[in-house]
Amino acid sequence: MKLSTILYALGFVSIAISAANFLTGKGKTGAEGERNALFIGEWPPTFFILAKAAEDRERLAQGQSQ
């Protein structure tokens, strides 16, 4: 499995985890669940940028090997 695919998947999974934390944190007293959701919500752009960079490197390496 390619690194870029893993990083894209991590980005989407972190979106799902963030949404789940936000929805389950609303019922609790205090805002810990919401804070965790916002913290995890910061991760997807980083994963997507790293995935794009890895994808570009994979494409470059594939072009050089042919």
PDB file of N, CA and C in Angstrom:
ATOM      1  N   MET A   1       0.838  -1.176   0.000  1.00  0.00           N
ATOM      2  CA  MET A   1       0.000   0.000   0.000  1.00  0.00           C
ATOM      3  C   MET A   1       0.885   1.242   0.000  1.00  0.00           C
ATOM      4  N   LYS A   2       0.492   2.216  -0.782  1.00  0.00           N
ATOM      5  CA  LYS A   2       1.287   3.427  -0.902  1.00  0.00           C
ATOM      6  C   LYS A   2       1.125   4.320   0.333  1.00  0.00           C
ATOM      7  N   LEU A   3       2.184   5.051   0.638  1.00  0.00           N
ATOM      8  CA  LEU A   3       2.161   5.975   1.761  1.00  0.00           C
ATOM      9  C   LEU A   3       1.099   7.051   1.563  1.00  0.00           C
ATOM     10  N   SER A   4       0.950   7.535   0.339  1.00  0.00           N
ATOM     11  CA  SER A   4      -0.035   8.586   0.090  1.00  0.00           C
ATOM     12  C   SER A   4      -1.448   8.086   0.379  1.00  0.00           C
ATOM     13  N   THR A   5      -1.740   6.850   0.053  1.00  0.00           N
ATOM     14  CA  THR A   5      -3.057   6.278   0.322  1.00  0.00           C
ATOM     15  C   THR A   5      -3.314   6.193   1.826  1.00  0.00           C
ATOM     16  N   ILE A   6      -2.302   5.791   2.566  1.00  0.00           N
ATOM     17  CA  ILE A   6      -2.429   5.708   4.024  1.00  0.00           C
ATOM     18  C   ILE A   6      -2.678   7.082   4.615  1.00  0.00           C
ATOM     19  N   LEU A   7      -1.946   8.087   4.137  1.00  0.00           N
ATOM     20  CA  LEU A   7      -2.103   9.437   4.671  1.00  0.00           C
ATOM     21  C   LEU A   7      -3.470  10.023   4.329  1.00  0.00           C
ATOM     22  N   TYR A   8      -3.967   9.777   3.113  1.00  0.00           N
ATOM     23  CA  TYR A   8      -5.318  10.225   2.768  1.00  0.00           C
ATOM     24  C   TYR A   8      -6.344   9.554   3.684  1.00  0.00           C
ATOM     25  N   ALA A   9      -6.180   8.258   3.910  1.00  0.00           N
ATOM     26  CA  ALA A   9      -7.105   7.535   4.785  1.00  0.00           C
ATOM     27  C   ALA A   9      -7.073   8.095   6.209  1.00  0.00           C
ATOM     28  N   LEU A  10      -5.883   8.402   6.700  1.00  0.00           N
ATOM     29  CA  LEU A  10      -5.763   8.989   8.043  1.00  0.00           C
ATOM     30  C   LEU A  10      -6.473  10.333   8.124  1.00  0.00           C
ATOM     31  N   GLY A  11      -6.407  11.109   7.053  1.00  0.00           N
ATOM     32  CA  GLY A  11      -7.116  12.388   7.027  1.00  0.00           C
ATOM     33  C   GLY A  11      -8.612  12.204   7.159  1.00  0.00           C
ATOM     34  N   PHE A  12      -9.172  11.262   6.397  1.00  0.00           N
ATOM     35  CA  PHE A  12     -10.609  11.024   6.469  1.00  0.00           C
ATOM     36  C   PHE A  12     -11.017  10.404   7.800  1.00  0.00           C
ATOM     37  N   VAL A  13     -10.194   9.517   8.335  1.00  0.00           N
ATOM     38  CA  VAL A  13     -10.489   8.909   9.635  1.00  0.00           C
ATOM     39  C   VAL A  13     -10.459   9.969  10.731  1.00  0.00           C
ATOM     40  N   SER A  14      -9.523  10.891  10.667  1.00  0.00           N
ATOM     41  CA  SER A  14      -9.458  11.922  11.698  1.00  0.00           C
ATOM     42  C   SER A  14     -10.668  12.857  11.611  1.00  0.00           C
ATOM     43  N   ILE A  15     -11.220  13.068  10.422  1.00  0.00           N
ATOM     44  CA  ILE A  15     -12.457  13.842  10.298  1.00  0.00           C
ATOM     45  C   ILE A  15     -13.591  13.109  11.004  1.00  0.00           C
ATOM     46  N   ALA A  16     -13.692  11.803  10.789  1.00  0.00           N
ATOM     47  CA  ALA A  16     -14.746  11.009  11.415  1.00  0.00           C
ATOM     48  C   ALA A  16     -14.595  10.991  12.939  1.00  0.00           C
ATOM     49  N   ILE A  17     -13.370  10.842  13.420  1.00  0.00           N
ATOM     50  CA  ILE A  17     -13.132  10.827  14.867  1.00  0.00           C
ATOM     51  C   ILE A  17     -13.472  12.188  15.467  1.00  0.00           C
ATOM     52  N   SER A  18     -13.107  13.241  14.785  1.00  0.00           N
ATOM     53  CA  SER A  18     -13.418  14.583  15.259  1.00  0.00           C
ATOM     54  C   SER A  18     -14.928  14.793  15.364  1.00  0.00           C
ATOM     55  N   ALA A  19     -15.659  14.370  14.342  1.00  0.00           N
ATOM     56  CA  ALA A  19     -17.116  14.513  14.365  1.00  0.00           C
ATOM     57  C   ALA A  19     -17.719  13.683  15.497  1.00  0.00           C
ATOM     58  N   ALA A  20     -17.234  12.465  15.684  1.00  0.00           N
ATOM     59  CA  ALA A  20     -17.747  11.616  16.756  1.00  0.00           C
ATOM     60  C   ALA A  20     -17.462  12.225  18.130  1.00  0.00           C
ATOM     61  N   ASN A  21     -16.267  12.749  18.323  1.00  0.00           N
ATOM     62  CA  ASN A  21     -15.939  13.403  19.599  1.00  0.00           C
ATOM     63  C   ASN A  21     -16.809  14.622  19.835  1.00  0.00           C
ATOM     64  N   PHE A  22     -17.053  15.377  18.796  1.00  0.00           N
ATOM     65  CA  PHE A  22     -17.869  16.575  18.944  1.00  0.00           C
ATOM     66  C   PHE A  22     -19.299  16.206  19.325  1.00  0.00           C
ATOM     67  N   LEU A  23     -19.858  15.207  18.641  1.00  0.00           N
ATOM     68  CA  LEU A  23     -21.248  14.829  18.904  1.00  0.00           C
ATOM     69  C   LEU A  23     -21.415  14.167  20.269  1.00  0.00           C
ATOM     70  N   THR A  24     -20.470  13.343  20.676  1.00  0.00           N
ATOM     71  CA  THR A  24     -20.582  12.694  21.978  1.00  0.00           C
ATOM     72  C   THR A  24     -20.173  13.640  23.103  1.00  0.00           C
ATOM     73  N   GLY A  25     -19.374  14.626  22.816  1.00  0.00           N
ATOM     74  CA  GLY A  25     -18.932  15.572  23.844  1.00  0.00           C
ATOM     75  C   GLY A  25     -19.969  16.614  24.195  1.00  0.00           C
ATOM     76  N   LYS A  26     -20.966  16.810  23.343  1.00  0.00           N
ATOM     77  CA  LYS A  26     -21.980  17.822  23.614  1.00  0.00           C
ATOM     78  C   LYS A  26     -22.867  17.443  24.794  1.00  0.00           C
ATOM     79  N   GLY A  27     -23.073  16.147  25.016  1.00  0.00           N
ATOM     80  CA  GLY A  27     -23.948  15.715  26.097  1.00  0.00           C
ATOM     81  C   GLY A  27     -23.278  15.731  27.465  1.00  0.00           C
ATOM     82  N   LYS A  28     -21.985  15.725  27.501  1.00  0.00           N
ATOM     83  CA  LYS A  28     -21.253  15.686  28.760  1.00  0.00           C
ATOM     84  C   LYS A  28     -21.214  17.074  29.391  1.00  0.00           C
ATOM     85  N   THR A  29     -21.056  17.095  30.704  1.00  0.00           N
ATOM     86  CA  THR A  29     -20.839  18.379  31.355  1.00  0.00           C
ATOM     87  C   THR A  29     -19.397  18.779  31.099  1.00  0.00           C
ATOM     88  N   GLY A  30     -19.172  20.019  30.862  1.00  0.00           N
ATOM     89  CA  GLY A  30     -17.844  20.486  30.489  1.00  0.00           C
ATOM     90  C   GLY A  30     -17.671  20.385  28.987  1.00  0.00           C
ATOM     91  N   ALA A  31     -16.582  20.895  28.515  1.00  0.00           N
ATOM     92  CA  ALA A  31     -16.364  20.958  27.068  1.00  0.00           C
ATOM     93  C   ALA A  31     -15.169  20.124  26.625  1.00  0.00           C
ATOM     94  N   GLU A  32     -14.810  19.129  27.413  1.00  0.00           N
ATOM     95  CA  GLU A  32     -13.613  18.345  27.065  1.00  0.00           C
ATOM     96  C   GLU A  32     -13.769  17.620  25.732  1.00  0.00           C
ATOM     97  N   GLY A  33     -14.919  17.014  25.479  1.00  0.00           N
ATOM     98  CA  GLY A  33     -15.150  16.315  24.222  1.00  0.00           C
ATOM     99  C   GLY A  33     -15.097  17.257  23.034  1.00  0.00           C
ATOM    100  N   GLU A  34     -15.663  18.444  23.205  1.00  0.00           N
ATOM    101  CA  GLU A  34     -15.631  19.429  22.120  1.00  0.00           C
ATOM    102  C   GLU A  34     -14.212  19.931  21.874  1.00  0.00           C
ATOM    103  N   ARG A  35     -13.451  20.136  22.943  1.00  0.00           N
ATOM    104  CA  ARG A  35     -12.056  20.570  22.774  1.00  0.00           C
ATOM    105  C   ARG A  35     -11.242  19.500  22.064  1.00  0.00           C
ATOM    106  N   ASN A  36     -11.445  18.239  22.426  1.00  0.00           N
ATOM    107  CA  ASN A  36     -10.747  17.147  21.750  1.00  0.00           C
ATOM    108  C   ASN A  36     -11.129  17.102  20.283  1.00  0.00           C
ATOM    109  N   ALA A  37     -12.414  17.321  20.001  1.00  0.00           N
ATOM    110  CA  ALA A  37     -12.877  17.308  18.611  1.00  0.00           C
ATOM    111  C   ALA A  37     -12.207  18.414  17.806  1.00  0.00           C
ATOM    112  N   LEU A  38     -12.110  19.591  18.397  1.00  0.00           N
ATOM    113  CA  LEU A  38     -11.457  20.693  17.685  1.00  0.00           C
ATOM    114  C   LEU A  38      -9.967  20.431  17.490  1.00  0.00           C
ATOM    115  N   PHE A  39      -9.335  19.827  18.493  1.00  0.00           N
ATOM    116  CA  PHE A  39      -7.916  19.503  18.371  1.00  0.00           C
ATOM    117  C   PHE A  39      -7.685  18.490  17.256  1.00  0.00           C
ATOM    118  N   ILE A  40      -8.476  17.426  17.245  1.00  0.00           N
ATOM    119  CA  ILE A  40      -8.328  16.410  16.206  1.00  0.00           C
ATOM    120  C   ILE A  40      -8.743  16.972  14.851  1.00  0.00           C
ATOM    121  N   GLY A  41      -9.651  17.936  14.845  1.00  0.00           N
ATOM    122  CA  GLY A  41     -10.087  18.572  13.607  1.00  0.00           C
ATOM    123  C   GLY A  41      -8.986  19.361  12.907  1.00  0.00           C
ATOM    124  N   GLU A  42      -7.914  19.636  13.611  1.00  0.00           N
ATOM    125  CA  GLU A  42      -6.778  20.332  13.007  1.00  0.00           C
ATOM    126  C   GLU A  42      -5.887  19.390  12.196  1.00  0.00           C
ATOM    127  N   TRP A  43      -6.022  18.106  12.389  1.00  0.00           N
ATOM    128  CA  TRP A  43      -5.129  17.131  11.752  1.00  0.00           C
ATOM    129  C   TRP A  43      -5.370  16.895  10.263  1.00  0.00           C
ATOM    130  N   PRO A  44      -6.612  16.832   9.774  1.00  0.00           N
ATOM    131  CA  PRO A  44      -6.819  16.456   8.372  1.00  0.00           C
ATOM    132  C   PRO A  44      -6.047  17.280   7.345  1.00  0.00           C
ATOM    133  N   PRO A  45      -5.992  18.612   7.459  1.00  0.00           N
ATOM    134  CA  PRO A  45      -5.217  19.342   6.443  1.00  0.00           C
ATOM    135  C   PRO A  45      -3.751  18.921   6.396  1.00  0.00           C
ATOM    136  N   THR A  46      -3.184  18.630   7.564  1.00  0.00           N
ATOM    137  CA  THR A  46      -1.794  18.186   7.608  1.00  0.00           C
ATOM    138  C   THR A  46      -1.631  16.843   6.911  1.00  0.00           C
ATOM    139  N   PHE A  47      -2.536  15.910   7.204  1.00  0.00           N
ATOM    140  CA  PHE A  47      -2.479  14.607   6.550  1.00  0.00           C
ATOM    141  C   PHE A  47      -2.642  14.739   5.035  1.00  0.00           C
ATOM    142  N   PHE A  48      -3.576  15.592   4.604  1.00  0.00           N
ATOM    143  CA  PHE A  48      -3.816  15.748   3.168  1.00  0.00           C
ATOM    144  C   PHE A  48      -2.619  16.396   2.461  1.00  0.00           C
ATOM    145  N   ILE A  49      -1.979  17.356   3.093  1.00  0.00           N
ATOM    146  CA  ILE A  49      -0.797  17.984   2.499  1.00  0.00           C
ATOM    147  C   ILE A  49       0.347  16.976   2.404  1.00  0.00           C
ATOM    148  N   LEU A  50       0.551  16.203   3.480  1.00  0.00           N
ATOM    149  CA  LEU A  50       1.602  15.181   3.453  1.00  0.00           C
ATOM    150  C   LEU A  50       1.296  14.107   2.409  1.00  0.00           C
ATOM    151  N   ALA A  51       0.023  13.751   2.271  1.00  0.00           N
ATOM    152  CA  ALA A  51      -0.360  12.750   1.274  1.00  0.00           C
ATOM    153  C   ALA A  51      -0.085  13.256  -0.133  1.00  0.00           C
ATOM    154  N   LYS A  52      -0.384  14.518  -0.395  1.00  0.00           N
ATOM    155  CA  LYS A  52      -0.137  15.093  -1.721  1.00  0.00           C
ATOM    156  C   LYS A  52       1.364  15.117  -2.012  1.00  0.00           C
ATOM    157  N   ALA A  53       2.163  15.474  -1.021  1.00  0.00           N
ATOM    158  CA  ALA A  53       3.615  15.481  -1.212  1.00  0.00           C
ATOM    159  C   ALA A  53       4.134  14.070  -1.478  1.00  0.00           C
ATOM    160  N   ALA A  54       3.628  13.096  -0.722  1.00  0.00           N
ATOM    161  CA  ALA A  54       4.044  11.702  -0.937  1.00  0.00           C
ATOM    162  C   ALA A  54       3.601  11.216  -2.309  1.00  0.00           C
ATOM    163  N   GLU A  55       2.406  11.607  -2.726  1.00  0.00           N
ATOM    164  CA  GLU A  55       1.904  11.220  -4.044  1.00  0.00           C
ATOM    165  C   GLU A  55       2.781  11.784  -5.157  1.00  0.00           C
ATOM    166  N   ASP A  56       3.199  13.042  -5.005  1.00  0.00           N
ATOM    167  CA  ASP A  56       4.083  13.658  -5.997  1.00  0.00           C
ATOM    168  C   ASP A  56       5.433  12.939  -6.060  1.00  0.00           C
ATOM    169  N   ARG A  57       5.975  12.572  -4.885  1.00  0.00           N
ATOM    170  CA  ARG A  57       7.250  11.843  -4.854  1.00  0.00           C
ATOM    171  C   ARG A  57       7.117  10.464  -5.486  1.00  0.00           C
ATOM    172  N   GLU A  58       5.986   9.791  -5.209  1.00  0.00           N
ATOM    173  CA  GLU A  58       5.757   8.469  -5.798  1.00  0.00           C
ATOM    174  C   GLU A  58       5.658   8.569  -7.313  1.00  0.00           C
ATOM    175  N   ARG A  59       4.976   9.596  -7.796  1.00  0.00           N
ATOM    176  CA  ARG A  59       4.829   9.786  -9.236  1.00  0.00           C
ATOM    177  C   ARG A  59       6.185  10.091  -9.872  1.00  0.00           C
ATOM    178  N   LEU A  60       6.985  10.900  -9.206  1.00  0.00           N
ATOM    179  CA  LEU A  60       8.317  11.244  -9.711  1.00  0.00           C
ATOM    180  C   LEU A  60       9.205   9.999  -9.743  1.00  0.00           C
ATOM    181  N   ALA A  61       9.173   9.209  -8.678  1.00  0.00           N
ATOM    182  CA  ALA A  61       9.989   7.997  -8.619  1.00  0.00           C
ATOM    183  C   ALA A  61       9.535   6.987  -9.690  1.00  0.00           C
ATOM    184  N   GLN A  62       8.244   6.909  -9.917  1.00  0.00           N
ATOM    185  CA  GLN A  62       7.731   5.994 -10.928  1.00  0.00           C
ATOM    186  C   GLN A  62       8.169   6.440 -12.321  1.00  0.00           C
ATOM    187  N   GLY A  63       8.176   7.730 -12.566  1.00  0.00           N
ATOM    188  CA  GLY A  63       8.601   8.246 -13.874  1.00  0.00           C
ATOM    189  C   GLY A  63      10.081   8.045 -14.123  1.00  0.00           C
ATOM    190  N   GLN A  64      10.903   8.092 -13.088  1.00  0.00           N
ATOM    191  CA  GLN A  64      12.333   7.890 -13.251  1.00  0.00           C
ATOM    192  C   GLN A  64      12.683   6.434 -13.454  1.00  0.00           C
ATOM    193  N   SER A  65      11.865   5.527 -12.931  1.00  0.00           N
ATOM    194  CA  SER A  65      12.202   4.107 -13.050  1.00  0.00           C
ATOM    195  C   SER A  65      11.809   3.549 -14.415  1.00  0.00           C
ATOM    196  N   GLN A  66      11.001   4.269 -15.175  1.00  0.00           N
ATOM    197  CA  GLN A  66      10.576   3.755 -16.487  1.00  0.00           C
ATOM    198  C   GLN A  66      11.532   4.151 -17.576  1.00  0.00           C
TER     199      GLN A  66
END
